[in-house]
Amino acid sequence: MLEHLGLGHNLGASLGDFATPEEIMLISSGQRSGRLPDGLELAAGLLAARQKIVGAVVSALAYPVFLFGVCMLLLGVVSVMVMPKFAMLSDPTKWHGAAAAFYRMTSFVASFSGVITLIVLLAIIATALVTLPAWTGRLRLFVENLPPWSIYRLTVGSVWLYTLATMMRSGIQLSHILESMINSEAVSPYLRERILAISIENGVGKNLGESMYDCGMGFPDQELIDDLRVYAVLPSFHRRMHELATEWMHDGVELVKRQSRLMNLMGIVLITALVSILAMAIGSLQSQLLPTGGY
């Protein structure tokens, strides 16, 4: 960094390997306007906001992922290690009730078909995760409100909007901000498609709210876009824009937390159901083995 400064580059350009393009623009803008401390403060606030929302999303989703993992592990252990032991005590074809139903389920899980099903399921999950930043086009719009794409939209949308508001607050022109984001290598194809659509509408003279509405992407959120269409025509829009971005960032985190709580509930229900079925199967099996003298 000292080498770059020695060559006459400004502080923002010298931080190229240590900061994001948006942070560099904020610092450079502050330095050019003679308000370097303000630029550094805005860049630091942007970094903190990004870390906050990403951390909140990761912490909100960690527990439901753990619950579903435990559920799959429990089912696998019971299918491969527990049920074969019970099958040695008696002929499974003579079982009935909960024991027979649970044996059929665990037999499928431990079979080749069960392994293939698990592989297909994991492949679907992996594909969904891979498509989060890469999938573009109109077809993507149909799944924007479904997890995990909805969670990704909320996360990326919150970070992008806060970044945009922070840069506008520093005095950088909207068209320059959008152009720099489009050209940034750090921007995903998903986000670039939406920024490009907004930039095209903004290029014909529309304000930010109208550009976000007319591009038809519904990004980052339709209700927020309706608010921006109202505030974009007001003289204090830059200040209000930052307030809206901050509020929506908090709202987005809360929405992700609500969705994660629903996933938590689903995971708890699955584990409870699996343990209950196992208990009923063992009880049913014991009642069928004891009269015949099985141990």
Protein backbone atom coordinates (compact mmCIF):
# COMPACT_ATOMS: atom_id res chain seq x y z
CA MET A 1 0.00 0.00 0.00
CA LEU A 2 2.87 2.37 0.81
CA GLU A 3 4.35 1.64 -2.61
CA HIS A 4 1.10 2.69 -4.31
CA LEU A 5 0.91 5.85 -2.21
CA GLY A 6 4.52 6.62 -3.13
CA LEU A 7 3.62 6.41 -6.80
CA GLY A 8 1.00 9.13 -6.35
CA HIS A 9 -2.15 7.01 -6.06
CA ASN A 10 -4.83 8.12 -3.64
CA LEU A 11 -5.64 6.13 -0.53
CA GLY A 12 -8.66 4.41 -2.08
CA ALA A 13 -6.71 3.12 -5.07
CA SER A 14 -3.90 1.99 -2.78
CA LEU A 15 -6.34 -0.21 -0.85
CA GLY A 16 -7.25 -2.20 -3.96
CA ASP A 17 -6.10 -5.53 -2.49
CA PHE A 18 -7.65 -4.92 0.92
CA ALA A 19 -11.12 -3.46 0.27
CA THR A 20 -14.12 -3.98 -1.97
CA PRO A 21 -14.70 -1.70 -4.99
CA GLU A 22 -17.55 0.05 -3.16
CA GLU A 23 -15.39 0.78 -0.13
CA ILE A 24 -12.62 2.07 -2.38
CA MET A 25 -15.07 4.42 -4.12
CA LEU A 26 -16.27 5.79 -0.79
CA ILE A 27 -12.72 6.45 0.43
CA SER A 28 -11.63 7.96 -2.88
CA SER A 29 -14.72 10.17 -3.01
CA GLY A 30 -14.08 11.40 0.51
CA GLN A 31 -10.45 12.12 -0.28
CA ARG A 32 -11.28 14.05 -3.48
CA SER A 33 -13.85 16.17 -1.65
CA GLY A 34 -11.50 16.88 1.23
CA ARG A 35 -13.57 14.77 3.66
CA LEU A 36 -11.39 11.69 4.00
CA PRO A 37 -12.49 10.96 7.61
CA ASP A 38 -16.12 10.90 6.43
CA GLY A 39 -15.23 8.55 3.58
CA LEU A 40 -13.39 6.21 5.93
CA GLU A 41 -16.30 6.29 8.36
CA LEU A 42 -18.80 5.42 5.62
CA ALA A 43 -16.57 2.60 4.36
CA ALA A 44 -16.21 1.22 7.89
CA GLY A 45 -19.99 1.43 8.39
CA LEU A 46 -20.59 -0.39 5.13
CA LEU A 47 -18.19 -3.17 6.10
CA ALA A 48 -19.84 -3.52 9.53
CA ALA A 49 -23.33 -3.62 7.99
CA ARG A 50 -22.32 -6.35 5.54
CA GLN A 51 -20.78 -8.46 8.27
CA LYS A 52 -23.86 -7.96 10.45
CA ILE A 53 -26.43 -9.18 7.95
CA VAL A 54 -24.29 -12.07 6.65
CA GLY A 55 -23.54 -13.14 10.22
CA ALA A 56 -27.21 -12.91 11.16
CA VAL A 57 -28.23 -15.07 8.18
CA VAL A 58 -25.55 -17.69 8.87
CA SER A 59 -26.45 -17.91 12.56
CA ALA A 60 -30.17 -18.10 11.76
CA LEU A 61 -29.70 -20.99 9.31
CA ALA A 62 -27.06 -22.94 11.23
CA TYR A 63 -29.46 -24.59 13.71
CA PRO A 64 -32.07 -25.80 11.18
CA VAL A 65 -29.30 -27.24 9.01
CA PHE A 66 -27.93 -28.99 12.10
CA LEU A 67 -31.38 -30.40 12.94
CA PHE A 68 -31.93 -31.79 9.45
CA GLY A 69 -28.43 -33.27 9.51
CA VAL A 70 -29.11 -34.98 12.84
CA CYS A 71 -32.39 -36.33 11.50
CA MET A 72 -30.72 -37.84 8.43
CA LEU A 73 -27.87 -39.27 10.55
CA LEU A 74 -30.30 -40.82 13.05
CA LEU A 75 -32.32 -42.42 10.27
CA GLY A 76 -29.16 -43.77 8.65
CA VAL A 77 -27.80 -45.26 11.88
CA VAL A 78 -31.12 -46.93 12.71
CA SER A 79 -31.44 -48.31 9.18
CA VAL A 80 -27.90 -49.69 8.88
CA MET A 81 -27.05 -50.72 12.45
CA VAL A 82 -30.18 -51.09 14.59
CA MET A 83 -32.86 -52.70 12.45
CA PRO A 84 -30.61 -55.51 11.12
CA LYS A 85 -30.06 -56.55 14.75
CA PHE A 86 -33.81 -56.78 15.32
CA ALA A 87 -34.22 -58.67 12.05
CA MET A 88 -31.94 -61.39 13.41
CA LEU A 89 -34.41 -62.06 16.26
CA SER A 90 -37.38 -62.83 14.07
CA ASP A 91 -38.45 -63.08 10.43
CA PRO A 92 -39.30 -59.49 9.36
CA THR A 93 -41.86 -60.79 6.86
CA LYS A 94 -44.00 -61.87 9.82
CA TRP A 95 -43.94 -58.49 11.48
CA HIS A 96 -47.00 -56.26 11.35
CA GLY A 97 -48.11 -52.83 12.46
CA ALA A 98 -45.54 -50.15 13.29
CA ALA A 99 -42.67 -52.66 13.30
CA ALA A 100 -43.40 -53.79 9.73
CA ALA A 101 -43.84 -50.21 8.47
CA PHE A 102 -40.63 -49.03 10.10
CA TYR A 103 -38.73 -52.06 8.79
CA ARG A 104 -39.85 -51.30 5.23
CA MET A 105 -38.75 -47.69 5.60
CA THR A 106 -35.33 -48.54 7.05
CA SER A 107 -34.83 -51.31 4.47
CA PHE A 108 -35.37 -48.76 1.72
CA VAL A 109 -32.95 -46.31 3.34
CA ALA A 110 -30.24 -49.00 3.59
CA SER A 111 -30.87 -50.35 0.08
CA PHE A 112 -29.23 -49.32 -3.19
CA SER A 113 -32.37 -47.40 -4.13
CA GLY A 114 -32.17 -45.51 -0.86
CA VAL A 115 -28.54 -44.57 -1.51
CA ILE A 116 -29.44 -43.36 -5.00
CA THR A 117 -32.32 -41.34 -3.56
CA LEU A 118 -29.97 -39.75 -1.02
CA ILE A 119 -27.45 -38.91 -3.74
CA VAL A 120 -30.19 -37.35 -5.89
CA LEU A 121 -31.46 -35.35 -2.90
CA LEU A 122 -27.97 -34.08 -2.08
CA ALA A 123 -27.43 -33.24 -5.75
CA ILE A 124 -30.65 -31.20 -5.79
CA ILE A 125 -29.57 -29.31 -2.67
CA ALA A 126 -26.09 -28.71 -4.09
CA THR A 127 -27.56 -27.54 -7.39
CA ALA A 128 -29.89 -25.13 -5.59
CA LEU A 129 -26.96 -23.66 -3.64
CA VAL A 130 -24.81 -23.36 -6.76
CA THR A 131 -27.57 -21.59 -8.67
CA LEU A 132 -28.03 -18.93 -5.97
CA PRO A 133 -25.44 -16.50 -7.39
CA ALA A 134 -25.34 -17.85 -10.95
CA TRP A 135 -28.92 -18.48 -12.11
CA THR A 136 -30.32 -15.62 -14.18
CA GLY A 137 -33.19 -15.09 -16.61
CA ARG A 138 -36.95 -14.86 -16.29
CA LEU A 139 -37.29 -18.38 -14.94
CA ARG A 140 -35.39 -17.28 -11.82
CA LEU A 141 -38.18 -14.80 -11.03
CA PHE A 142 -40.63 -17.66 -10.46
CA VAL A 143 -38.61 -19.07 -7.55
CA GLU A 144 -37.55 -15.77 -5.95
CA ASN A 145 -40.06 -16.20 -3.12
CA LEU A 146 -39.09 -19.80 -2.33
CA PRO A 147 -36.26 -20.86 0.00
CA PRO A 148 -33.31 -20.89 -0.43
CA TRP A 149 -33.59 -18.35 -3.27
CA SER A 150 -35.77 -16.02 -1.20
CA ILE A 151 -33.19 -15.99 1.61
CA TYR A 152 -30.43 -15.27 -0.91
CA ARG A 153 -32.47 -12.43 -2.44
CA LEU A 154 -33.04 -10.88 0.97
CA THR A 155 -29.38 -11.18 1.94
CA VAL A 156 -27.93 -9.88 -1.32
CA GLY A 157 -30.65 -7.25 -1.66
CA SER A 158 -30.06 -5.88 1.83
CA VAL A 159 -26.29 -5.63 1.35
CA TRP A 160 -26.68 -4.08 -2.13
CA LEU A 161 -29.25 -1.52 -1.04
CA TYR A 162 -27.21 -0.45 1.98
CA THR A 163 -24.12 -0.19 -0.22
CA LEU A 164 -26.02 1.90 -2.76
CA ALA A 165 -27.46 4.19 -0.09
CA THR A 166 -24.07 4.67 1.56
CA MET A 167 -22.42 5.59 -1.73
CA MET A 168 -25.24 7.99 -2.64
CA ARG A 169 -24.90 9.57 0.79
CA SER A 170 -21.23 10.27 0.06
CA GLY A 171 -22.22 12.29 -3.01
CA ILE A 172 -21.41 9.78 -5.78
CA GLN A 173 -23.81 9.95 -8.74
CA LEU A 174 -26.26 7.08 -9.08
CA SER A 175 -25.31 6.31 -12.68
CA HIS A 176 -21.63 6.12 -11.69
CA ILE A 177 -22.46 3.80 -8.80
CA LEU A 178 -24.49 1.43 -10.95
CA GLU A 179 -21.84 1.39 -13.69
CA SER A 180 -19.06 0.60 -11.22
CA MET A 181 -21.11 -2.23 -9.73
CA ILE A 182 -21.83 -3.72 -13.15
CA ASN A 183 -18.13 -3.68 -14.04
CA SER A 184 -17.01 -5.09 -10.70
CA GLU A 185 -15.66 -8.64 -10.82
CA ALA A 186 -16.95 -9.20 -7.27
CA VAL A 187 -20.59 -8.89 -8.40
CA SER A 188 -22.38 -12.19 -9.06
CA PRO A 189 -24.23 -12.81 -12.35
CA TYR A 190 -27.51 -12.74 -10.41
CA LEU A 191 -26.86 -9.31 -8.93
CA ARG A 192 -25.29 -7.95 -12.13
CA GLU A 193 -28.43 -8.83 -14.10
CA ARG A 194 -30.59 -6.84 -11.70
CA ILE A 195 -28.24 -3.87 -11.50
CA LEU A 196 -27.99 -3.78 -15.30
CA ALA A 197 -31.78 -3.79 -15.66
CA ILE A 198 -32.06 -0.91 -13.17
CA SER A 199 -29.21 0.96 -14.89
CA ILE A 200 -30.92 0.72 -18.29
CA GLU A 201 -34.08 2.31 -16.92
CA ASN A 202 -32.06 4.94 -15.05
CA GLY A 203 -30.18 5.74 -18.26
CA VAL A 204 -33.36 7.04 -19.92
CA GLY A 205 -33.88 9.59 -17.17
CA LYS A 206 -35.94 7.73 -14.57
CA ASN A 207 -35.25 8.09 -10.87
CA LEU A 208 -34.14 5.14 -8.75
CA GLY A 209 -37.63 4.13 -7.58
CA GLU A 210 -39.12 4.18 -11.08
CA SER A 211 -36.07 2.39 -12.49
CA MET A 212 -36.39 -0.42 -9.96
CA TYR A 213 -40.12 -0.69 -10.65
CA ASP A 214 -40.02 -0.55 -14.45
CA CYS A 215 -37.17 -3.05 -14.82
CA GLY A 216 -39.60 -5.74 -13.66
CA MET A 217 -37.15 -7.61 -11.44
CA GLY A 218 -38.91 -6.95 -8.14
CA PHE A 219 -35.48 -6.61 -6.56
CA PRO A 220 -34.79 -6.39 -3.74
CA ASP A 221 -38.43 -6.26 -2.58
CA GLN A 222 -41.63 -5.00 -4.18
CA GLU A 223 -42.89 -3.22 -1.07
CA LEU A 224 -39.57 -1.43 -0.71
CA ILE A 225 -39.68 -0.41 -4.37
CA ASP A 226 -43.10 1.17 -3.83
CA ASP A 227 -41.66 3.20 -0.95
CA LEU A 228 -38.68 4.30 -3.04
CA ARG A 229 -40.99 5.49 -5.83
CA VAL A 230 -42.56 7.89 -3.33
CA TYR A 231 -39.36 9.10 -1.67
CA ALA A 232 -37.29 9.37 -4.87
CA VAL A 233 -39.06 12.58 -5.90
CA LEU A 234 -38.39 14.32 -2.56
CA PRO A 235 -35.44 16.71 -2.13
CA SER A 236 -34.12 14.84 0.92
CA PHE A 237 -34.09 11.50 -0.89
CA HIS A 238 -30.39 10.73 -0.27
CA ARG A 239 -30.83 11.03 3.49
CA ARG A 240 -34.11 9.13 3.51
CA MET A 241 -32.63 6.48 1.23
CA HIS A 242 -30.00 5.61 3.81
CA GLU A 243 -32.65 5.42 6.53
CA LEU A 244 -34.81 3.13 4.39
CA ALA A 245 -31.83 0.90 3.60
CA THR A 246 -30.97 0.60 7.29
CA GLU A 247 -34.58 -0.17 8.23
CA TRP A 248 -34.97 -2.70 5.46
CA MET A 249 -31.70 -4.38 6.40
CA HIS A 250 -33.05 -4.95 9.90
CA ASP A 251 -36.41 -6.08 8.49
CA GLY A 252 -34.65 -8.48 6.13
CA VAL A 253 -32.70 -10.02 8.99
CA GLU A 254 -35.91 -10.46 10.99
CA LEU A 255 -37.64 -12.07 8.00
CA VAL A 256 -34.77 -14.53 7.58
CA LYS A 257 -34.97 -15.30 11.30
CA ARG A 258 -38.72 -15.98 10.99
CA GLN A 259 -38.10 -18.32 8.07
CA SER A 260 -35.34 -20.06 10.01
CA ARG A 261 -37.65 -20.50 13.00
CA LEU A 262 -40.12 -22.26 10.68
CA MET A 263 -37.30 -24.50 9.48
CA ASN A 264 -36.33 -25.12 13.12
CA LEU A 265 -39.87 -26.22 13.85
CA MET A 266 -39.88 -28.53 10.83
CA GLY A 267 -36.59 -30.08 11.94
CA ILE A 268 -37.82 -30.63 15.49
CA VAL A 269 -41.05 -32.16 14.19
CA LEU A 270 -39.10 -34.53 11.91
CA ILE A 271 -36.79 -35.66 14.71
CA THR A 272 -39.71 -36.09 17.12
CA ALA A 273 -41.67 -38.05 14.52
CA LEU A 274 -38.68 -40.27 13.76
CA VAL A 275 -38.02 -41.02 17.43
CA SER A 276 -41.75 -41.66 18.03
CA ILE A 277 -41.95 -44.07 15.09
CA LEU A 278 -38.84 -45.85 16.33
CA ALA A 279 -40.33 -46.17 19.83
CA MET A 280 -43.63 -47.50 18.46
CA ALA A 281 -41.79 -49.93 16.19
CA ILE A 282 -39.69 -51.27 19.08
CA GLY A 283 -42.80 -51.59 21.27
CA SER A 284 -44.66 -53.37 18.49
CA LEU A 285 -41.71 -55.66 17.85
CA GLN A 286 -41.37 -56.54 21.53
CA SER A 287 -45.05 -57.45 21.75
CA GLN A 288 -44.61 -59.75 18.74
CA LEU A 289 -41.38 -61.37 19.93
CA LEU A 290 -42.20 -62.04 23.58
CA PRO A 291 -45.09 -64.48 23.01
CA THR A 292 -42.88 -66.55 20.72
CA GLY A 293 -39.96 -66.58 23.15
CA GLY A 294 -37.71 -64.34 21.06
CA TYR A 295 -34.99 -62.37 22.83
